[in-house]
Amino acid sequence: MGDYERGKKLFMKRCAQCHVIDSIACINGPTLSGVIGRKSGTVDGYTHSEASTAKGIIWTHETLMEYLKDPRKCIPGTKMVCTGLKKVEDREDLITYIEIESKKPPKDAGQKWVKPQGHPLPKS
């Protein structure tokens, strides 16, 4: 198991500009709330790449380790702009944070997410 606090810092630095983990909202990337055990390309309210949907990865510790090393190699055609985390320790720490935080109920649980005004709704 990785270091939660270090993983949190990595999340804020490398992931938070596109992903949230405490909400059902999708900003520039799909929400990571409830990501563990979910199939890739299935978050409502986000327009996934055809590649992510077709790949159908079930997100686990192991699949995230592989994906976060090199997202574009794991899923050619992904919309993920991050080039990946080469260090095993960084991936372990980040995944520890994601595993813990993604199990918590989102702050807006039970609501239907609507993209804020001024932003186009995702294509369906």
N, C-alpha and C. Protein backbone atom coordinates (compact mmCIF):
# COMPACT_ATOMS: atom_id res chain seq x y z
N MET A 1 0.85 -1.19 0.00
CA MET A 1 0.00 0.00 0.00
C MET A 1 0.89 1.24 0.00
N GLY A 2 0.47 2.22 -0.77
CA GLY A 2 1.25 3.45 -0.90
C GLY A 2 0.97 4.45 0.21
N ASP A 3 1.56 5.61 0.09
CA ASP A 3 1.45 6.69 1.06
C ASP A 3 0.28 7.60 0.66
N TYR A 4 -0.77 7.61 1.50
CA TYR A 4 -1.99 8.38 1.22
C TYR A 4 -1.69 9.87 1.02
N GLU A 5 -0.95 10.47 1.95
CA GLU A 5 -0.69 11.92 1.88
C GLU A 5 0.11 12.28 0.62
N ARG A 6 1.09 11.48 0.29
CA ARG A 6 1.86 11.71 -0.92
C ARG A 6 0.96 11.54 -2.15
N GLY A 7 0.07 10.54 -2.10
CA GLY A 7 -0.88 10.32 -3.19
C GLY A 7 -1.82 11.50 -3.37
N LYS A 8 -2.25 12.08 -2.25
CA LYS A 8 -3.13 13.25 -2.30
C LYS A 8 -2.42 14.41 -2.99
N LYS A 9 -1.17 14.63 -2.65
CA LYS A 9 -0.40 15.70 -3.28
C LYS A 9 -0.23 15.45 -4.78
N LEU A 10 0.04 14.20 -5.14
CA LEU A 10 0.15 13.85 -6.56
C LEU A 10 -1.17 14.08 -7.28
N PHE A 11 -2.28 13.71 -6.64
CA PHE A 11 -3.60 13.91 -7.24
C PHE A 11 -3.83 15.40 -7.50
N MET A 12 -3.55 16.23 -6.49
CA MET A 12 -3.78 17.67 -6.64
C MET A 12 -2.88 18.26 -7.73
N LYS A 13 -1.68 17.77 -7.84
CA LYS A 13 -0.73 18.30 -8.82
C LYS A 13 -0.96 17.75 -10.23
N ARG A 14 -1.27 16.47 -10.35
CA ARG A 14 -1.31 15.81 -11.65
C ARG A 14 -2.71 15.51 -12.19
N CYS A 15 -3.72 15.47 -11.30
CA CYS A 15 -5.04 14.97 -11.73
C CYS A 15 -6.18 15.98 -11.56
N ALA A 16 -6.10 16.81 -10.51
CA ALA A 16 -7.24 17.64 -10.11
C ALA A 16 -7.65 18.69 -11.14
N GLN A 17 -6.77 19.03 -12.06
CA GLN A 17 -7.16 20.01 -13.08
C GLN A 17 -8.20 19.43 -14.04
N CYS A 18 -8.30 18.10 -14.11
CA CYS A 18 -9.27 17.46 -15.01
C CYS A 18 -10.29 16.58 -14.28
N HIS A 19 -9.93 16.04 -13.13
CA HIS A 19 -10.78 15.07 -12.43
C HIS A 19 -11.15 15.54 -11.03
N VAL A 20 -12.36 15.16 -10.60
CA VAL A 20 -12.77 15.30 -9.20
C VAL A 20 -12.97 13.89 -8.66
N ILE A 21 -12.90 13.77 -7.34
CA ILE A 21 -13.07 12.46 -6.73
C ILE A 21 -14.15 12.49 -5.66
N ASP A 22 -14.60 13.70 -5.29
CA ASP A 22 -15.58 13.84 -4.21
C ASP A 22 -16.95 14.29 -4.73
N SER A 23 -17.19 14.14 -6.02
CA SER A 23 -18.41 14.64 -6.65
C SER A 23 -18.74 13.77 -7.87
N ILE A 24 -19.99 13.85 -8.31
CA ILE A 24 -20.38 13.15 -9.53
C ILE A 24 -20.10 14.01 -10.77
N ALA A 25 -19.62 15.24 -10.56
CA ALA A 25 -19.36 16.16 -11.66
C ALA A 25 -18.24 15.67 -12.56
N CYS A 26 -18.38 15.95 -13.83
CA CYS A 26 -17.33 15.69 -14.81
C CYS A 26 -16.89 17.05 -15.34
N ILE A 27 -15.64 17.38 -15.15
CA ILE A 27 -15.15 18.68 -15.59
C ILE A 27 -14.46 18.49 -16.95
N ASN A 28 -13.16 18.31 -16.97
CA ASN A 28 -12.45 18.03 -18.22
C ASN A 28 -12.19 16.54 -18.40
N GLY A 29 -12.47 15.78 -17.38
CA GLY A 29 -12.33 14.33 -17.40
C GLY A 29 -13.44 13.73 -16.55
N PRO A 30 -13.63 12.43 -16.63
CA PRO A 30 -14.71 11.81 -15.84
C PRO A 30 -14.41 11.86 -14.34
N THR A 31 -15.48 11.88 -13.55
CA THR A 31 -15.31 11.81 -12.10
C THR A 31 -14.61 10.51 -11.73
N LEU A 32 -13.82 10.57 -10.68
CA LEU A 32 -13.17 9.36 -10.16
C LEU A 32 -13.89 8.83 -8.93
N SER A 33 -15.00 9.46 -8.57
CA SER A 33 -15.81 8.95 -7.47
C SER A 33 -16.34 7.58 -7.88
N GLY A 34 -16.07 6.57 -7.06
CA GLY A 34 -16.54 5.22 -7.36
C GLY A 34 -15.80 4.52 -8.48
N VAL A 35 -14.61 4.99 -8.82
CA VAL A 35 -13.89 4.44 -9.98
C VAL A 35 -13.46 2.99 -9.79
N ILE A 36 -13.12 2.58 -8.59
CA ILE A 36 -12.65 1.21 -8.37
C ILE A 36 -13.81 0.24 -8.62
N GLY A 37 -13.59 -0.68 -9.54
CA GLY A 37 -14.61 -1.65 -9.91
C GLY A 37 -15.49 -1.22 -11.08
N ARG A 38 -15.32 0.02 -11.52
CA ARG A 38 -16.12 0.53 -12.64
C ARG A 38 -15.43 0.19 -13.96
N LYS A 39 -16.23 0.07 -14.99
CA LYS A 39 -15.74 -0.22 -16.34
C LYS A 39 -15.37 1.10 -17.02
N SER A 40 -14.25 1.10 -17.74
CA SER A 40 -13.82 2.32 -18.44
C SER A 40 -14.87 2.74 -19.47
N GLY A 41 -15.01 4.06 -19.62
CA GLY A 41 -15.93 4.59 -20.63
C GLY A 41 -17.39 4.54 -20.26
N THR A 42 -17.72 4.51 -18.96
CA THR A 42 -19.12 4.35 -18.56
C THR A 42 -19.66 5.44 -17.64
N VAL A 43 -18.95 6.53 -17.43
CA VAL A 43 -19.44 7.59 -16.54
C VAL A 43 -20.48 8.43 -17.27
N ASP A 44 -21.68 8.53 -16.70
CA ASP A 44 -22.73 9.38 -17.26
C ASP A 44 -22.28 10.84 -17.19
N GLY A 45 -22.62 11.62 -18.20
CA GLY A 45 -22.31 13.04 -18.21
C GLY A 45 -20.94 13.37 -18.75
N TYR A 46 -20.22 12.38 -19.23
CA TYR A 46 -18.90 12.62 -19.82
C TYR A 46 -18.84 11.92 -21.16
N THR A 47 -18.29 12.60 -22.16
CA THR A 47 -18.14 12.01 -23.48
C THR A 47 -16.78 11.33 -23.55
N HIS A 48 -16.80 10.02 -23.41
CA HIS A 48 -15.58 9.23 -23.43
C HIS A 48 -15.09 9.02 -24.85
N SER A 49 -13.81 8.73 -24.98
CA SER A 49 -13.29 8.34 -26.29
C SER A 49 -13.86 6.97 -26.64
N GLU A 50 -14.01 6.72 -27.92
CA GLU A 50 -14.46 5.40 -28.36
C GLU A 50 -13.51 4.32 -27.86
N ALA A 51 -12.22 4.66 -27.82
CA ALA A 51 -11.20 3.69 -27.38
C ALA A 51 -11.42 3.27 -25.93
N SER A 52 -11.70 4.24 -25.05
CA SER A 52 -11.91 3.91 -23.63
C SER A 52 -13.16 3.06 -23.44
N THR A 53 -14.21 3.39 -24.16
CA THR A 53 -15.44 2.62 -24.06
C THR A 53 -15.24 1.21 -24.60
N ALA A 54 -14.60 1.11 -25.75
CA ALA A 54 -14.39 -0.20 -26.38
C ALA A 54 -13.45 -1.09 -25.57
N LYS A 55 -12.46 -0.50 -24.92
CA LYS A 55 -11.48 -1.28 -24.16
C LYS A 55 -12.15 -2.00 -22.99
N GLY A 56 -13.08 -1.32 -22.32
CA GLY A 56 -13.85 -1.96 -21.26
C GLY A 56 -13.03 -2.46 -20.08
N ILE A 57 -12.01 -1.71 -19.71
CA ILE A 57 -11.18 -2.10 -18.56
C ILE A 57 -12.00 -1.96 -17.28
N ILE A 58 -11.90 -2.93 -16.40
CA ILE A 58 -12.46 -2.79 -15.05
C ILE A 58 -11.34 -2.20 -14.20
N TRP A 59 -11.60 -1.03 -13.60
CA TRP A 59 -10.55 -0.34 -12.85
C TRP A 59 -10.32 -1.00 -11.50
N THR A 60 -9.12 -1.52 -11.35
CA THR A 60 -8.65 -2.14 -10.11
C THR A 60 -7.27 -1.55 -9.81
N HIS A 61 -6.70 -1.93 -8.69
CA HIS A 61 -5.35 -1.48 -8.37
C HIS A 61 -4.40 -1.86 -9.51
N GLU A 62 -4.50 -3.08 -9.97
CA GLU A 62 -3.60 -3.58 -11.01
C GLU A 62 -3.80 -2.87 -12.35
N THR A 63 -5.05 -2.69 -12.76
CA THR A 63 -5.27 -2.04 -14.05
C THR A 63 -4.89 -0.55 -14.00
N LEU A 64 -5.11 0.09 -12.84
CA LEU A 64 -4.68 1.48 -12.71
C LEU A 64 -3.16 1.59 -12.72
N MET A 65 -2.46 0.62 -12.12
CA MET A 65 -0.99 0.63 -12.17
C MET A 65 -0.51 0.61 -13.62
N GLU A 66 -1.11 -0.23 -14.43
CA GLU A 66 -0.72 -0.32 -15.83
C GLU A 66 -1.11 0.95 -16.60
N TYR A 67 -2.34 1.40 -16.42
CA TYR A 67 -2.85 2.56 -17.15
C TYR A 67 -2.06 3.82 -16.81
N LEU A 68 -1.83 4.05 -15.51
CA LEU A 68 -1.18 5.29 -15.10
C LEU A 68 0.31 5.33 -15.45
N LYS A 69 0.88 4.19 -15.80
CA LYS A 69 2.27 4.18 -16.25
C LYS A 69 2.37 4.84 -17.62
N ASP A 70 1.41 4.54 -18.50
CA ASP A 70 1.42 5.09 -19.86
C ASP A 70 0.01 4.97 -20.44
N PRO A 71 -0.87 5.95 -20.13
CA PRO A 71 -2.27 5.87 -20.57
C PRO A 71 -2.44 5.65 -22.07
N ARG A 72 -1.63 6.31 -22.87
CA ARG A 72 -1.79 6.21 -24.33
C ARG A 72 -1.35 4.86 -24.88
N LYS A 73 -0.45 4.19 -24.18
CA LYS A 73 -0.05 2.85 -24.59
C LYS A 73 -1.11 1.84 -24.15
N CYS A 74 -1.66 2.04 -22.96
CA CYS A 74 -2.68 1.13 -22.43
C CYS A 74 -3.98 1.21 -23.23
N ILE A 75 -4.40 2.44 -23.54
CA ILE A 75 -5.61 2.66 -24.34
C ILE A 75 -5.27 3.64 -25.47
N PRO A 76 -4.77 3.13 -26.59
CA PRO A 76 -4.50 4.02 -27.73
C PRO A 76 -5.79 4.73 -28.14
N GLY A 77 -5.71 6.06 -28.24
CA GLY A 77 -6.89 6.84 -28.58
C GLY A 77 -7.59 7.43 -27.38
N THR A 78 -7.05 7.23 -26.17
CA THR A 78 -7.64 7.82 -24.97
C THR A 78 -7.60 9.34 -25.04
N LYS A 79 -8.52 10.00 -24.35
CA LYS A 79 -8.53 11.45 -24.28
C LYS A 79 -7.64 11.96 -23.14
N MET A 80 -7.14 11.04 -22.33
CA MET A 80 -6.29 11.40 -21.18
C MET A 80 -5.03 12.10 -21.68
N VAL A 81 -4.79 13.32 -21.19
CA VAL A 81 -3.64 14.10 -21.65
C VAL A 81 -2.39 13.84 -20.82
N CYS A 82 -2.53 13.28 -19.64
CA CYS A 82 -1.39 12.97 -18.78
C CYS A 82 -0.50 11.94 -19.47
N THR A 83 0.79 12.18 -19.45
CA THR A 83 1.72 11.26 -20.09
C THR A 83 2.02 10.04 -19.23
N GLY A 84 1.58 10.06 -17.99
CA GLY A 84 1.77 8.91 -17.12
C GLY A 84 2.76 9.18 -16.00
N LEU A 85 2.81 8.25 -15.08
CA LEU A 85 3.72 8.31 -13.94
C LEU A 85 4.68 7.13 -14.07
N LYS A 86 5.91 7.40 -14.34
CA LYS A 86 6.88 6.33 -14.60
C LYS A 86 7.30 5.60 -13.33
N LYS A 87 7.36 6.32 -12.19
CA LYS A 87 7.83 5.71 -10.94
C LYS A 87 6.73 4.86 -10.31
N VAL A 88 7.07 3.62 -10.00
CA VAL A 88 6.13 2.71 -9.35
C VAL A 88 5.62 3.32 -8.05
N GLU A 89 6.52 3.92 -7.27
CA GLU A 89 6.14 4.52 -5.98
C GLU A 89 5.08 5.61 -6.17
N ASP A 90 5.23 6.44 -7.19
CA ASP A 90 4.24 7.50 -7.46
C ASP A 90 2.88 6.89 -7.78
N ARG A 91 2.87 5.86 -8.61
CA ARG A 91 1.60 5.21 -8.97
C ARG A 91 0.97 4.55 -7.75
N GLU A 92 1.77 3.88 -6.94
CA GLU A 92 1.25 3.23 -5.72
C GLU A 92 0.63 4.27 -4.79
N ASP A 93 1.31 5.38 -4.59
CA ASP A 93 0.81 6.43 -3.70
C ASP A 93 -0.48 7.04 -4.24
N LEU A 94 -0.50 7.36 -5.52
CA LEU A 94 -1.69 7.94 -6.14
C LEU A 94 -2.87 6.98 -6.07
N ILE A 95 -2.64 5.73 -6.36
CA ILE A 95 -3.73 4.74 -6.35
C ILE A 95 -4.23 4.52 -4.93
N THR A 96 -3.36 4.55 -3.94
CA THR A 96 -3.81 4.44 -2.54
C THR A 96 -4.78 5.56 -2.22
N TYR A 97 -4.44 6.77 -2.61
CA TYR A 97 -5.34 7.92 -2.39
C TYR A 97 -6.66 7.72 -3.13
N ILE A 98 -6.59 7.33 -4.39
CA ILE A 98 -7.80 7.13 -5.20
C ILE A 98 -8.67 6.02 -4.60
N GLU A 99 -8.06 4.92 -4.19
CA GLU A 99 -8.83 3.80 -3.62
C GLU A 99 -9.60 4.24 -2.37
N ILE A 100 -8.97 5.00 -1.51
CA ILE A 100 -9.61 5.45 -0.27
C ILE A 100 -10.69 6.48 -0.55
N GLU A 101 -10.35 7.50 -1.32
CA GLU A 101 -11.29 8.61 -1.57
C GLU A 101 -12.45 8.21 -2.46
N SER A 102 -12.23 7.33 -3.42
CA SER A 102 -13.30 6.97 -4.36
C SER A 102 -14.39 6.12 -3.70
N LYS A 103 -14.10 5.55 -2.52
CA LYS A 103 -15.10 4.76 -1.80
C LYS A 103 -16.06 5.63 -1.00
N LYS A 104 -15.68 6.87 -0.74
CA LYS A 104 -16.52 7.78 0.04
C LYS A 104 -17.69 8.25 -0.82
N PRO A 105 -18.87 8.43 -0.21
CA PRO A 105 -20.00 8.94 -1.00
C PRO A 105 -19.68 10.34 -1.54
N PRO A 106 -20.03 10.62 -2.78
CA PRO A 106 -19.79 11.96 -3.32
C PRO A 106 -20.63 12.98 -2.58
N LYS A 107 -20.12 14.20 -2.49
CA LYS A 107 -20.81 15.27 -1.76
C LYS A 107 -22.17 15.60 -2.38
N ASP A 108 -22.36 15.26 -3.64
CA ASP A 108 -23.61 15.54 -4.33
C ASP A 108 -24.35 14.25 -4.69
N ALA A 109 -24.17 13.22 -3.89
CA ALA A 109 -24.82 11.92 -4.12
C ALA A 109 -26.33 12.10 -4.22
N GLY A 110 -26.95 11.39 -5.13
CA GLY A 110 -28.40 11.44 -5.30
C GLY A 110 -28.87 12.55 -6.23
N GLN A 111 -27.98 13.43 -6.61
CA GLN A 111 -28.34 14.51 -7.53
C GLN A 111 -27.97 14.10 -8.95
N LYS A 112 -28.61 14.75 -9.90
CA LYS A 112 -28.24 14.56 -11.30
C LYS A 112 -27.32 15.71 -11.66
N TRP A 113 -26.16 15.37 -12.18
CA TRP A 113 -25.19 16.40 -12.51
C TRP A 113 -25.58 17.09 -13.81
N VAL A 114 -25.54 18.44 -13.79
CA VAL A 114 -25.79 19.26 -14.97
C VAL A 114 -24.59 20.17 -15.14
N LYS A 115 -24.06 20.20 -16.34
CA LYS A 115 -22.90 21.05 -16.61
C LYS A 115 -23.29 22.51 -16.38
N PRO A 116 -22.43 23.30 -15.73
CA PRO A 116 -22.75 24.70 -15.44
C PRO A 116 -23.05 25.50 -16.70
N GLN A 117 -23.90 26.54 -16.56
CA GLN A 117 -24.24 27.39 -17.70
C GLN A 117 -22.97 28.01 -18.27
N GLY A 118 -22.98 28.20 -19.56
CA GLY A 118 -21.82 28.77 -20.23
C GLY A 118 -20.89 27.70 -20.78
N HIS A 119 -21.16 26.45 -20.41
CA HIS A 119 -20.37 25.34 -20.91
C HIS A 119 -21.32 24.42 -21.67
N PRO A 120 -20.95 23.99 -22.85
CA PRO A 120 -21.85 23.08 -23.59
C PRO A 120 -21.98 21.75 -22.87
N LEU A 121 -23.15 21.16 -22.97
CA LEU A 121 -23.35 19.83 -22.40
C LEU A 121 -22.53 18.82 -23.19
N PRO A 122 -22.03 17.79 -22.52
CA PRO A 122 -21.28 16.77 -23.25
C PRO A 122 -22.15 16.13 -24.32
N LYS A 123 -21.54 15.76 -25.43
CA LYS A 123 -22.27 15.07 -26.49
C LYS A 123 -22.64 13.69 -26.01
N SER A 124 -23.81 13.22 -26.42
CA SER A 124 -24.21 11.87 -26.00
C SER A 124 -23.92 10.85 -27.05
